[in-house]
Amino acid sequence: MGLLTNRVERSGIKPGDHIYTYRAVFAYSHHGIFVGGSKVVHFTRVDTSSSSDFEVYSPTAECPTFPDCGFRQPRSGVVLSCLDCFLRSGSLYCFEYGVSPSVFMAKVRGGTCTTAASDPTDAVVHRAMYLLQNGFGNYDVFQNNCEDFALYCKTGLLTIERVGVGRSGQASSMIGAPLAALLSSPLKLLVPSPVGVAAVTAGMYCMSRYATDIGVRTDVIKVDVEDLAENLGLETTEEVAAENVVSDRQLIR
């Protein structure tokens, strides 16, 4: 993976990797955790009547390859899919962890990397499979989306106060670009060169992205996945899990 793209081949991913693919001609990306066995656990909006451009889970979709593809618990947007259905013929990309600040800001598009370090593979897969059984709260484009889900599975980090933007770099970019343009507009009076204004705007955009990265934020804490229900304001995990328990090993196999 380089500065311009995080694209990888299928043979280049392993269990516990945070993967993503682009939708709607690169308008946005959809994220998940590869758990092995050509299976991906990801978080979607569960609303068959929604007209949103963002990822929506369709309970009527059928996969001819894997009988358990599309498995999810009632009232949960955490879904188990095969890699083919997750990609939908799109290219495969791998999210990077533990990058340096300079590399982070060089990758202009958000939702591709973080300065935060990843936890060990076993912990990552355990969180993903646990949340498949117990849910990850309500989907929200800016505060609790598919990238937020994958970032939590990889790091165990959760924002303390659910205001503004969550952990998602993609959401930060959506907010940061207009904000940077707005803040730099008065500089047109001081910086007559269009190139200079563009450079200042780009710098503000990159700094706003960096400031919201979970690797440098001060409003995040480490939360055990077993305690996540309390932090997200969900019903107890025992109540959800009692409806339909499927073993992690059986689903990955």
Protein backbone atom coordinates (compact mmCIF):
# COMPACT_ATOMS: atom_id res chain seq x y z
CA MET A 1 0.00 0.00 0.00
CA GLY A 2 1.25 3.48 -0.87
CA LEU A 3 0.35 7.12 -0.45
CA LEU A 4 -2.06 7.16 -3.37
CA THR A 5 -4.04 3.97 -2.80
CA ASN A 6 -4.59 1.23 -0.21
CA ARG A 7 -5.82 -1.23 -2.82
CA VAL A 8 -4.88 -4.87 -2.20
CA GLU A 9 -5.54 -8.26 -3.73
CA ARG A 10 -7.72 -10.79 -1.93
CA SER A 11 -4.67 -12.89 -1.22
CA GLY A 12 -3.17 -9.94 0.63
CA ILE A 13 -5.72 -9.76 3.46
CA LYS A 14 -5.85 -11.83 6.64
CA PRO A 15 -8.33 -12.30 9.53
CA GLY A 16 -8.63 -9.16 11.63
CA ASP A 17 -7.94 -6.77 8.75
CA HIS A 18 -10.07 -3.64 8.40
CA ILE A 19 -11.13 -3.61 4.76
CA TYR A 20 -13.26 -1.28 2.67
CA THR A 21 -14.59 -0.74 -0.82
CA TYR A 22 -16.00 2.27 -2.63
CA ARG A 23 -19.63 2.72 -3.60
CA ALA A 24 -21.47 5.04 -6.00
CA VAL A 25 -18.46 5.85 -8.18
CA PHE A 26 -16.14 6.60 -5.23
CA ALA A 27 -18.71 8.84 -3.53
CA TYR A 28 -18.26 7.01 -0.23
CA SER A 29 -16.64 3.88 1.16
CA HIS A 30 -18.11 0.94 3.06
CA HIS A 31 -16.01 -0.67 5.82
CA GLY A 32 -15.88 -4.02 7.59
CA ILE A 33 -13.69 -6.54 9.41
CA PHE A 34 -12.44 -9.58 7.52
CA VAL A 35 -12.84 -12.55 9.88
CA GLY A 36 -11.49 -15.30 7.63
CA GLY A 37 -13.21 -17.95 5.53
CA SER A 38 -14.10 -15.29 2.91
CA LYS A 39 -16.43 -13.68 5.49
CA VAL A 40 -16.77 -10.03 6.50
CA VAL A 41 -18.57 -8.56 9.50
CA HIS A 42 -19.81 -5.04 8.81
CA PHE A 43 -22.31 -2.47 10.07
CA THR A 44 -25.15 -1.12 7.94
CA ARG A 45 -28.32 0.90 8.09
CA VAL A 46 -31.24 -1.54 8.45
CA ASP A 47 -34.04 0.18 6.58
CA THR A 48 -35.48 -1.38 3.41
CA SER A 49 -37.56 1.73 2.67
CA SER A 50 -34.64 4.16 2.97
CA SER A 51 -33.63 6.24 -0.04
CA SER A 52 -30.24 7.06 1.48
CA ASP A 53 -27.18 6.86 -0.74
CA PHE A 54 -25.31 5.18 2.08
CA GLU A 55 -25.12 1.46 2.75
CA VAL A 56 -28.50 -0.14 3.47
CA TYR A 57 -28.91 -3.78 4.42
CA SER A 58 -31.50 -5.66 2.37
CA PRO A 59 -32.92 -8.71 4.19
CA THR A 60 -34.31 -10.07 0.91
CA ALA A 61 -30.89 -10.39 -0.74
CA GLU A 62 -29.78 -13.97 -1.29
CA CYS A 63 -26.26 -15.23 -1.85
CA PRO A 64 -25.88 -18.35 -4.04
CA THR A 65 -22.48 -19.17 -2.51
CA PHE A 66 -22.86 -18.97 1.28
CA PRO A 67 -26.13 -19.97 2.99
CA ASP A 68 -25.37 -17.83 6.05
CA CYS A 69 -24.44 -14.73 4.02
CA GLY A 70 -26.49 -11.79 5.30
CA PHE A 71 -26.91 -13.21 8.79
CA ARG A 72 -27.75 -10.67 11.46
CA GLN A 73 -29.58 -10.59 14.77
CA PRO A 74 -33.04 -8.98 15.03
CA ARG A 75 -32.91 -5.17 15.32
CA SER A 76 -29.17 -5.17 14.59
CA GLY A 77 -27.31 -3.62 11.68
CA VAL A 78 -24.20 -5.77 12.19
CA VAL A 79 -24.16 -8.24 9.30
CA LEU A 80 -22.07 -11.24 8.29
CA SER A 81 -21.47 -11.33 4.53
CA CYS A 82 -19.24 -13.18 2.14
CA LEU A 83 -16.45 -11.11 0.62
CA ASP A 84 -18.11 -11.08 -2.82
CA CYS A 85 -21.36 -9.62 -1.48
CA PHE A 86 -19.47 -7.10 0.63
CA LEU A 87 -17.46 -5.85 -2.35
CA ARG A 88 -20.35 -5.88 -4.86
CA SER A 89 -17.84 -6.13 -7.72
CA GLY A 90 -15.86 -3.21 -6.30
CA SER A 91 -12.14 -3.16 -5.60
CA LEU A 92 -10.71 -4.21 -2.25
CA TYR A 93 -8.81 -1.80 -0.01
CA CYS A 94 -7.12 -2.29 3.37
CA PHE A 95 -7.28 0.39 6.07
CA GLU A 96 -3.89 1.29 7.59
CA TYR A 97 -3.13 1.61 11.31
CA GLY A 98 -0.24 3.22 13.16
CA VAL A 99 0.72 5.59 10.34
CA SER A 100 2.83 8.67 11.05
CA PRO A 101 1.18 12.12 11.17
CA SER A 102 2.89 13.08 7.91
CA VAL A 103 1.54 10.02 6.10
CA PHE A 104 -1.91 10.59 7.59
CA MET A 105 -2.11 14.15 6.27
CA ALA A 106 -0.59 13.17 2.92
CA LYS A 107 -3.53 10.86 2.30
CA VAL A 108 -5.96 13.64 1.53
CA ARG A 109 -9.07 11.49 1.48
CA GLY A 110 -10.41 10.50 4.89
CA GLY A 111 -11.37 6.96 5.82
CA THR A 112 -8.16 5.29 4.67
CA CYS A 113 -5.83 5.28 7.70
CA THR A 114 -5.31 6.33 11.32
CA THR A 115 -2.40 7.07 13.60
CA ALA A 116 -3.94 4.75 16.21
CA ALA A 117 -2.41 1.30 16.66
CA SER A 118 -4.40 -1.86 15.99
CA ASP A 119 -4.98 -4.46 18.70
CA PRO A 120 -3.96 -8.11 18.14
CA THR A 121 -5.90 -10.16 15.60
CA ASP A 122 -7.67 -12.34 18.18
CA ALA A 123 -9.07 -9.29 19.96
CA VAL A 124 -10.24 -7.72 16.70
CA VAL A 125 -12.06 -10.83 15.47
CA HIS A 126 -13.56 -11.41 18.93
CA ARG A 127 -15.04 -7.89 18.99
CA ALA A 128 -16.47 -8.27 15.49
CA MET A 129 -18.10 -11.64 16.22
CA TYR A 130 -19.35 -10.47 19.62
CA LEU A 131 -20.99 -7.42 18.04
CA LEU A 132 -22.52 -9.65 15.35
CA GLN A 133 -24.41 -11.36 18.17
CA ASN A 134 -25.10 -8.27 20.28
CA GLY A 135 -25.36 -5.27 17.95
CA PHE A 136 -23.60 -1.91 17.71
CA GLY A 137 -26.43 0.53 18.36
CA ASN A 138 -28.23 2.67 15.83
CA TYR A 139 -26.53 3.58 12.56
CA ASP A 140 -25.65 7.26 12.19
CA VAL A 141 -23.70 8.65 9.24
CA PHE A 142 -21.67 11.08 11.35
CA GLN A 143 -21.47 9.45 14.78
CA ASN A 144 -21.87 5.68 14.40
CA ASN A 145 -21.28 4.38 10.90
CA CYS A 146 -19.54 1.40 9.30
CA GLU A 147 -16.09 2.94 9.68
CA ASP A 148 -16.77 3.69 13.35
CA PHE A 149 -17.65 0.02 13.78
CA ALA A 150 -14.45 -1.21 12.12
CA LEU A 151 -12.30 1.29 14.02
CA TYR A 152 -13.79 0.12 17.33
CA CYS A 153 -13.19 -3.53 16.44
CA LYS A 154 -9.55 -2.77 15.64
CA THR A 155 -8.76 -0.50 18.60
CA GLY A 156 -11.45 -0.84 21.27
CA LEU A 157 -11.64 2.97 21.40
CA LEU A 158 -14.93 4.76 21.91
CA THR A 159 -15.68 8.49 22.06
CA ILE A 160 -16.71 9.71 25.51
CA GLU A 161 -19.25 12.28 24.33
CA ARG A 162 -21.36 11.46 21.29
CA VAL A 163 -21.43 14.98 19.83
CA GLY A 164 -20.24 16.35 16.50
CA VAL A 165 -18.41 13.59 14.67
CA GLY A 166 -17.52 10.08 15.80
CA ARG A 167 -14.33 8.19 15.08
CA SER A 168 -14.86 7.98 11.32
CA GLY A 169 -12.24 9.68 9.15
CA GLN A 170 -14.67 9.64 6.26
CA ALA A 171 -17.24 11.64 8.26
CA SER A 172 -14.51 14.05 9.38
CA SER A 173 -13.63 14.71 5.75
CA MET A 174 -17.26 15.44 4.89
CA ILE A 175 -17.37 18.06 7.64
CA GLY A 176 -13.78 19.28 7.35
CA ALA A 177 -13.79 20.26 3.68
CA PRO A 178 -16.68 22.78 3.87
CA LEU A 179 -15.37 24.08 7.20
CA ALA A 180 -11.89 24.66 5.79
CA ALA A 181 -13.33 26.52 2.81
CA LEU A 182 -15.45 28.68 5.11
CA LEU A 183 -12.58 29.54 7.45
CA SER A 184 -10.18 30.35 4.63
CA SER A 185 -12.58 32.60 2.70
CA PRO A 186 -11.62 35.81 4.62
CA LEU A 187 -8.00 35.16 3.61
CA LYS A 188 -8.87 36.11 0.05
CA LEU A 189 -8.49 39.72 1.16
CA LEU A 190 -5.01 39.05 2.55
CA VAL A 191 -3.75 36.46 0.09
CA PRO A 192 -4.42 37.72 -3.45
CA SER A 193 -3.07 34.60 -5.12
CA PRO A 194 -5.66 31.85 -5.79
CA VAL A 195 -2.88 29.31 -5.35
CA GLY A 196 -2.11 30.70 -1.91
CA VAL A 197 -5.76 30.54 -0.84
CA ALA A 198 -6.00 26.97 -2.12
CA ALA A 199 -2.89 26.00 -0.17
CA VAL A 200 -4.23 27.51 3.05
CA THR A 201 -7.60 25.81 2.55
CA ALA A 202 -5.92 22.45 1.95
CA GLY A 203 -3.81 22.93 5.08
CA MET A 204 -6.83 23.72 7.21
CA TYR A 205 -8.64 20.69 5.82
CA CYS A 206 -5.76 18.35 6.62
CA MET A 207 -5.39 19.77 10.13
CA SER A 208 -9.11 19.38 10.83
CA ARG A 209 -8.89 15.73 9.76
CA TYR A 210 -5.85 15.14 11.91
CA ALA A 211 -7.49 16.76 14.96
CA THR A 212 -10.41 14.30 14.79
CA ASP A 213 -8.27 11.18 14.30
CA ILE A 214 -8.75 8.68 17.14
CA GLY A 215 -4.99 8.36 17.47
CA VAL A 216 -4.63 11.95 18.73
CA ARG A 217 -8.05 12.76 20.20
CA THR A 218 -8.34 13.13 23.97
CA ASP A 219 -12.06 12.28 24.17
CA VAL A 220 -11.70 8.55 23.52
CA ILE A 221 -11.45 5.70 26.01
CA LYS A 222 -10.75 1.98 25.80
CA VAL A 223 -13.97 0.02 26.31
CA ASP A 224 -14.24 -3.75 26.57
CA VAL A 225 -16.69 -5.12 24.03
CA GLU A 226 -18.61 -6.86 26.82
CA ASP A 227 -19.24 -3.41 28.37
CA LEU A 228 -20.14 -1.70 25.11
CA ALA A 229 -23.92 -1.97 25.56
CA GLU A 230 -23.80 0.31 28.59
CA ASN A 231 -21.67 2.89 26.76
CA LEU A 232 -23.88 2.90 23.65
CA GLY A 233 -27.11 2.93 25.65
CA LEU A 234 -28.23 -0.44 24.30
CA GLU A 235 -30.31 -3.13 25.90
CA THR A 236 -28.21 -5.69 27.73
CA THR A 237 -26.20 -8.01 25.56
CA GLU A 238 -27.75 -11.00 27.31
CA GLU A 239 -31.23 -9.96 26.16
CA VAL A 240 -30.18 -9.66 22.52
CA ALA A 241 -27.97 -12.73 22.49
CA ALA A 242 -30.72 -14.90 23.95
CA GLU A 243 -32.79 -14.47 20.79
CA ASN A 244 -30.45 -16.37 18.53
CA VAL A 245 -26.96 -17.54 19.44
CA VAL A 246 -24.69 -18.84 16.68
CA SER A 247 -21.14 -19.84 17.50
CA ASP A 248 -18.27 -17.78 16.06
CA ARG A 249 -16.57 -20.90 14.77
CA GLN A 250 -19.64 -22.10 12.87
CA LEU A 251 -20.17 -18.73 11.17
CA ILE A 252 -16.56 -18.27 10.10
CA ARG A 253 -16.22 -21.84 8.85
